[in-house]
Each structure stands twice: as structure tokens, then as C-alpha cells.
Amino acid sequence: MLVARSASEVERIIRRERVVLVAFTDPRRASGRHVYRVMQRLERKAGHMITFVYVDVTRVNGGSLIQKELLEVAKREGVFKLFIDGECVFEQEGVFMDMEADYQALRLGIKDVMKRRSFKTLF
């Protein structure tokens, strides 16, 4: 998993890679640490298909990737965004704080979007 140090770094990754899942969160909060663990689990299953990027919103303002209102949600609960070919095609705000529920919600949402765009998924 890549840990972004700036909004421009995230934007470069999104332009360079075909499929990118970005998590915006505050790692000082329990929800932020939980988001990190969920991302790690997803990466173990789909790391060959998706580039995973973790953004600490206390250090990176999000740039044009995340609106100001959503940035506040990201600080409290976390926000996930899936980009395919540079376009945001899936977004999830918040987590359940249950590993299995959060993993399944993200996995199924991502899988559905990728399937509709003719990507074969293995997770």
C-alpha cells in the first residue's frame, strides 16, 4: 500500500495506474486505524489488480480529489474512492467498525463496479 505525502502525489498515481483505491482518513482516530487494516486486507486479496493508496487527511488536504465537506467526513469516519482510468467510479463514506462487514461492503461494491466495466475480479 502506498502512503501519499501530498495531493499531487495521489493525482499522479491516479493518472499513472489503471485502477486505484484511495482511502482518506485520520490515522489518529480509531476509525482511521480500522480503515488502514481494511485496506491491508483488501490489498492481500486484490493487490495485483488494484493500486491501494492511503491518505492521512491531517497532513494532506486532498486537493481536487475530495470536496471540503467530504474532507470533514474523512477526518471523522474515512472515505474510500475507487478510480478507473482517472475517473472516480465508486465512493463510500464511513465504516461500520467491524472488519468483516467493512471488508464485504467494500469488496462487493468494488466488484460490482469493476464487473460493470468489464474487469474480471478474483476477490
Foldseek 3Di string as FASTA:
>chain_A
DAEDQELVVVLVCLQVDFKEKEKQAACVDPLLVLVVVLLVVVCVQQVVPYHYYYYHCVRYVNPPNDDPVLSVQRHPFMKMFMHGNNHTDDIDGGDPSDNVVRNVVVVVRVCVSCVVVVDDGDD
